[in-house]
N, C-alpha and C. Protein backbone atom coordinates (compact mmCIF):
# COMPACT_ATOMS: atom_id res chain seq x y z
N MET A 1 25.12 3.40 32.67
CA MET A 1 24.39 2.34 33.37
C MET A 1 23.22 2.95 34.12
N ALA A 2 22.11 2.24 34.13
CA ALA A 2 20.91 2.71 34.80
C ALA A 2 21.11 2.69 36.32
N ASN A 3 20.70 3.75 36.98
CA ASN A 3 20.88 3.86 38.43
C ASN A 3 19.58 3.70 39.19
N THR A 4 18.55 4.39 38.77
CA THR A 4 17.29 4.35 39.51
C THR A 4 16.47 3.12 39.12
N LYS A 5 15.51 2.81 39.97
CA LYS A 5 14.63 1.67 39.71
C LYS A 5 13.88 1.86 38.39
N GLN A 6 13.42 3.08 38.16
CA GLN A 6 12.68 3.39 36.94
C GLN A 6 13.55 3.22 35.70
N SER A 7 14.78 3.72 35.76
CA SER A 7 15.65 3.64 34.59
C SER A 7 16.08 2.19 34.31
N LYS A 8 16.19 1.37 35.37
CA LYS A 8 16.51 -0.05 35.17
C LYS A 8 15.36 -0.75 34.47
N LYS A 9 14.14 -0.40 34.86
CA LYS A 9 12.97 -1.00 34.22
C LYS A 9 12.90 -0.58 32.76
N ARG A 10 13.13 0.70 32.48
CA ARG A 10 13.10 1.19 31.10
C ARG A 10 14.15 0.49 30.24
N ALA A 11 15.31 0.22 30.83
CA ALA A 11 16.38 -0.47 30.09
C ALA A 11 15.93 -1.89 29.74
N ARG A 12 15.27 -2.57 30.69
CA ARG A 12 14.75 -3.91 30.43
C ARG A 12 13.68 -3.87 29.34
N GLN A 13 12.79 -2.91 29.46
CA GLN A 13 11.70 -2.78 28.48
C GLN A 13 12.24 -2.48 27.08
N SER A 14 13.26 -1.66 27.01
CA SER A 14 13.78 -1.28 25.70
C SER A 14 14.37 -2.48 24.98
N LEU A 15 14.95 -3.41 25.72
CA LEU A 15 15.47 -4.63 25.10
C LEU A 15 14.35 -5.49 24.52
N VAL A 16 13.27 -5.62 25.27
CA VAL A 16 12.11 -6.39 24.80
C VAL A 16 11.51 -5.74 23.57
N HIS A 17 11.33 -4.41 23.63
CA HIS A 17 10.75 -3.68 22.50
C HIS A 17 11.65 -3.77 21.27
N ARG A 18 12.95 -3.69 21.49
CA ARG A 18 13.89 -3.75 20.37
C ARG A 18 13.80 -5.09 19.66
N ASP A 19 13.75 -6.17 20.43
CA ASP A 19 13.63 -7.51 19.84
C ASP A 19 12.32 -7.66 19.08
N ARG A 20 11.24 -7.18 19.67
CA ARG A 20 9.93 -7.29 19.03
C ARG A 20 9.89 -6.48 17.74
N ASN A 21 10.43 -5.26 17.79
CA ASN A 21 10.45 -4.41 16.60
C ASN A 21 11.28 -5.03 15.49
N ALA A 22 12.42 -5.65 15.85
CA ALA A 22 13.28 -6.27 14.85
C ALA A 22 12.55 -7.44 14.18
N ALA A 23 11.82 -8.21 14.96
CA ALA A 23 11.08 -9.35 14.41
C ALA A 23 9.97 -8.86 13.48
N GLN A 24 9.28 -7.80 13.89
CA GLN A 24 8.20 -7.25 13.07
C GLN A 24 8.74 -6.70 11.76
N ARG A 25 9.86 -6.00 11.84
CA ARG A 25 10.48 -5.42 10.65
C ARG A 25 10.95 -6.53 9.69
N SER A 26 11.48 -7.59 10.25
CA SER A 26 11.92 -8.72 9.46
C SER A 26 10.74 -9.38 8.74
N MET A 27 9.62 -9.54 9.46
CA MET A 27 8.43 -10.12 8.87
C MET A 27 7.93 -9.25 7.71
N LEU A 28 7.96 -7.94 7.91
CA LEU A 28 7.55 -7.00 6.86
C LEU A 28 8.40 -7.20 5.61
N ARG A 29 9.71 -7.23 5.80
CA ARG A 29 10.62 -7.37 4.66
C ARG A 29 10.42 -8.70 3.94
N SER A 30 10.17 -9.75 4.72
CA SER A 30 9.94 -11.07 4.12
C SER A 30 8.71 -11.07 3.24
N HIS A 31 7.63 -10.45 3.71
CA HIS A 31 6.40 -10.39 2.92
C HIS A 31 6.62 -9.59 1.63
N ILE A 32 7.33 -8.48 1.74
CA ILE A 32 7.59 -7.63 0.57
C ILE A 32 8.43 -8.39 -0.45
N LYS A 33 9.47 -9.08 0.03
CA LYS A 33 10.36 -9.83 -0.87
C LYS A 33 9.61 -10.97 -1.55
N LYS A 34 8.71 -11.62 -0.82
CA LYS A 34 7.95 -12.73 -1.39
C LYS A 34 7.12 -12.25 -2.58
N VAL A 35 6.42 -11.14 -2.40
CA VAL A 35 5.60 -10.59 -3.48
C VAL A 35 6.48 -10.17 -4.65
N ALA A 36 7.58 -9.52 -4.35
CA ALA A 36 8.49 -9.03 -5.40
C ALA A 36 9.06 -10.18 -6.22
N LYS A 37 9.45 -11.27 -5.54
CA LYS A 37 10.01 -12.43 -6.26
C LYS A 37 8.96 -13.07 -7.17
N LEU A 38 7.75 -13.22 -6.67
CA LEU A 38 6.69 -13.81 -7.48
C LEU A 38 6.36 -12.93 -8.68
N ALA A 39 6.35 -11.63 -8.47
CA ALA A 39 6.07 -10.70 -9.56
C ALA A 39 7.18 -10.74 -10.60
N ALA A 40 8.42 -10.83 -10.15
CA ALA A 40 9.56 -10.89 -11.07
C ALA A 40 9.54 -12.20 -11.87
N ALA A 41 9.02 -13.25 -11.24
CA ALA A 41 8.95 -14.55 -11.92
C ALA A 41 7.76 -14.62 -12.88
N GLY A 42 6.88 -13.63 -12.84
CA GLY A 42 5.74 -13.59 -13.74
C GLY A 42 4.55 -14.43 -13.29
N LYS A 43 4.52 -14.80 -12.03
CA LYS A 43 3.43 -15.61 -11.48
C LYS A 43 2.37 -14.66 -10.89
N LYS A 44 1.48 -14.20 -11.76
CA LYS A 44 0.53 -13.16 -11.39
C LYS A 44 -0.44 -13.60 -10.29
N ALA A 45 -1.05 -14.77 -10.44
CA ALA A 45 -2.05 -15.22 -9.46
C ALA A 45 -1.42 -15.42 -8.08
N GLU A 46 -0.23 -16.02 -8.05
CA GLU A 46 0.46 -16.25 -6.78
C GLU A 46 0.92 -14.93 -6.16
N ALA A 47 1.36 -14.00 -7.01
CA ALA A 47 1.80 -12.70 -6.52
C ALA A 47 0.63 -11.92 -5.93
N GLU A 48 -0.54 -12.02 -6.57
CA GLU A 48 -1.72 -11.34 -6.04
C GLU A 48 -2.12 -11.91 -4.69
N ALA A 49 -2.05 -13.24 -4.55
CA ALA A 49 -2.38 -13.89 -3.27
C ALA A 49 -1.40 -13.46 -2.19
N ALA A 50 -0.11 -13.42 -2.52
CA ALA A 50 0.91 -12.99 -1.56
C ALA A 50 0.73 -11.51 -1.20
N PHE A 51 0.31 -10.71 -2.18
CA PHE A 51 0.07 -9.29 -1.93
C PHE A 51 -1.09 -9.10 -0.96
N LYS A 52 -2.14 -9.91 -1.12
CA LYS A 52 -3.28 -9.82 -0.20
C LYS A 52 -2.88 -10.20 1.22
N GLU A 53 -1.92 -11.10 1.36
CA GLU A 53 -1.39 -11.46 2.68
C GLU A 53 -0.50 -10.34 3.22
N ALA A 54 0.24 -9.69 2.35
CA ALA A 54 1.21 -8.68 2.77
C ALA A 54 0.56 -7.36 3.17
N MET A 55 -0.54 -7.01 2.53
CA MET A 55 -1.17 -5.71 2.81
C MET A 55 -1.53 -5.50 4.28
N PRO A 56 -2.22 -6.46 4.95
CA PRO A 56 -2.52 -6.23 6.36
C PRO A 56 -1.27 -6.17 7.23
N VAL A 57 -0.23 -6.89 6.85
CA VAL A 57 1.02 -6.85 7.61
C VAL A 57 1.65 -5.46 7.50
N ILE A 58 1.68 -4.94 6.29
CA ILE A 58 2.25 -3.60 6.07
C ILE A 58 1.45 -2.55 6.86
N ASP A 59 0.12 -2.64 6.78
CA ASP A 59 -0.73 -1.69 7.49
C ASP A 59 -0.55 -1.80 9.01
N SER A 60 -0.46 -3.01 9.49
CA SER A 60 -0.31 -3.24 10.93
C SER A 60 0.99 -2.64 11.45
N ILE A 61 2.06 -2.86 10.72
CA ILE A 61 3.35 -2.34 11.15
C ILE A 61 3.39 -0.82 11.06
N SER A 62 2.67 -0.28 10.08
CA SER A 62 2.55 1.17 9.98
C SER A 62 1.76 1.74 11.15
N ASP A 63 0.68 1.06 11.52
CA ASP A 63 -0.14 1.51 12.65
C ASP A 63 0.64 1.51 13.96
N LYS A 64 1.54 0.56 14.09
CA LYS A 64 2.35 0.46 15.31
C LYS A 64 3.46 1.50 15.35
N GLY A 65 3.69 2.18 14.22
CA GLY A 65 4.69 3.24 14.19
C GLY A 65 6.08 2.77 13.84
N LEU A 66 6.21 1.52 13.41
CA LEU A 66 7.54 1.02 13.03
C LEU A 66 8.01 1.63 11.73
N ILE A 67 7.07 1.87 10.82
CA ILE A 67 7.39 2.59 9.59
C ILE A 67 6.35 3.70 9.43
N HIS A 68 6.70 4.72 8.70
CA HIS A 68 5.80 5.84 8.46
C HIS A 68 4.67 5.40 7.53
N ARG A 69 3.52 6.01 7.68
CA ARG A 69 2.37 5.61 6.85
C ARG A 69 2.61 5.86 5.37
N ASN A 70 3.39 6.88 5.05
CA ASN A 70 3.70 7.14 3.64
C ASN A 70 4.61 6.05 3.07
N LYS A 71 5.52 5.53 3.90
CA LYS A 71 6.39 4.45 3.45
C LYS A 71 5.56 3.19 3.21
N ALA A 72 4.59 2.94 4.08
CA ALA A 72 3.70 1.78 3.91
C ALA A 72 2.92 1.92 2.61
N ALA A 73 2.40 3.10 2.36
CA ALA A 73 1.63 3.34 1.13
C ALA A 73 2.52 3.18 -0.09
N ARG A 74 3.76 3.63 0.00
CA ARG A 74 4.70 3.51 -1.11
C ARG A 74 5.00 2.04 -1.42
N HIS A 75 5.22 1.24 -0.37
CA HIS A 75 5.47 -0.19 -0.57
C HIS A 75 4.28 -0.86 -1.25
N LYS A 76 3.08 -0.58 -0.74
CA LYS A 76 1.88 -1.20 -1.31
C LYS A 76 1.69 -0.78 -2.76
N SER A 77 1.90 0.48 -3.04
CA SER A 77 1.72 1.00 -4.39
C SER A 77 2.71 0.36 -5.36
N ARG A 78 3.96 0.28 -4.96
CA ARG A 78 4.99 -0.27 -5.85
C ARG A 78 4.79 -1.76 -6.09
N LEU A 79 4.38 -2.49 -5.04
CA LEU A 79 4.13 -3.92 -5.22
C LEU A 79 2.95 -4.13 -6.16
N ASN A 80 1.90 -3.35 -5.95
CA ASN A 80 0.72 -3.46 -6.80
C ASN A 80 1.06 -3.11 -8.25
N GLN A 81 1.89 -2.13 -8.42
CA GLN A 81 2.32 -1.71 -9.76
C GLN A 81 3.09 -2.84 -10.45
N ARG A 82 3.93 -3.55 -9.71
CA ARG A 82 4.68 -4.67 -10.27
C ARG A 82 3.74 -5.79 -10.70
N ILE A 83 2.74 -6.04 -9.88
CA ILE A 83 1.79 -7.12 -10.18
C ILE A 83 0.97 -6.76 -11.42
N ARG A 84 0.52 -5.51 -11.51
CA ARG A 84 -0.27 -5.08 -12.67
C ARG A 84 0.54 -5.11 -13.97
N ALA A 85 1.86 -4.99 -13.86
CA ALA A 85 2.72 -4.97 -15.04
C ALA A 85 2.91 -6.37 -15.64
N ILE A 86 2.56 -7.40 -14.88
CA ILE A 86 2.72 -8.77 -15.39
C ILE A 86 1.68 -9.03 -16.46
N LYS A 87 2.13 -9.58 -17.56
CA LYS A 87 1.22 -9.92 -18.66
C LYS A 87 0.49 -11.22 -18.28
N ALA A 88 -0.84 -11.15 -18.28
CA ALA A 88 -1.64 -12.31 -17.85
C ALA A 88 -1.66 -13.42 -18.87
């Protein structure tokens, strides 16, 4: 249990940060899944539009340090690869 005034404040802050990080991570996963589902369904135009929406989200979350920049690049690369594999 936190004893000092500073440690009590840090405990409060960590709860707020944890909730915010969880929401951000959930949003990231939702965007990735949306693109993946559209790509699997063969809807190239819709998948490309969803990918354009997902890219800034992935970059933003990477910039905030929630995921590593290499992981962000890997997600973007794999999603783009799936979209390019769809026969137009």
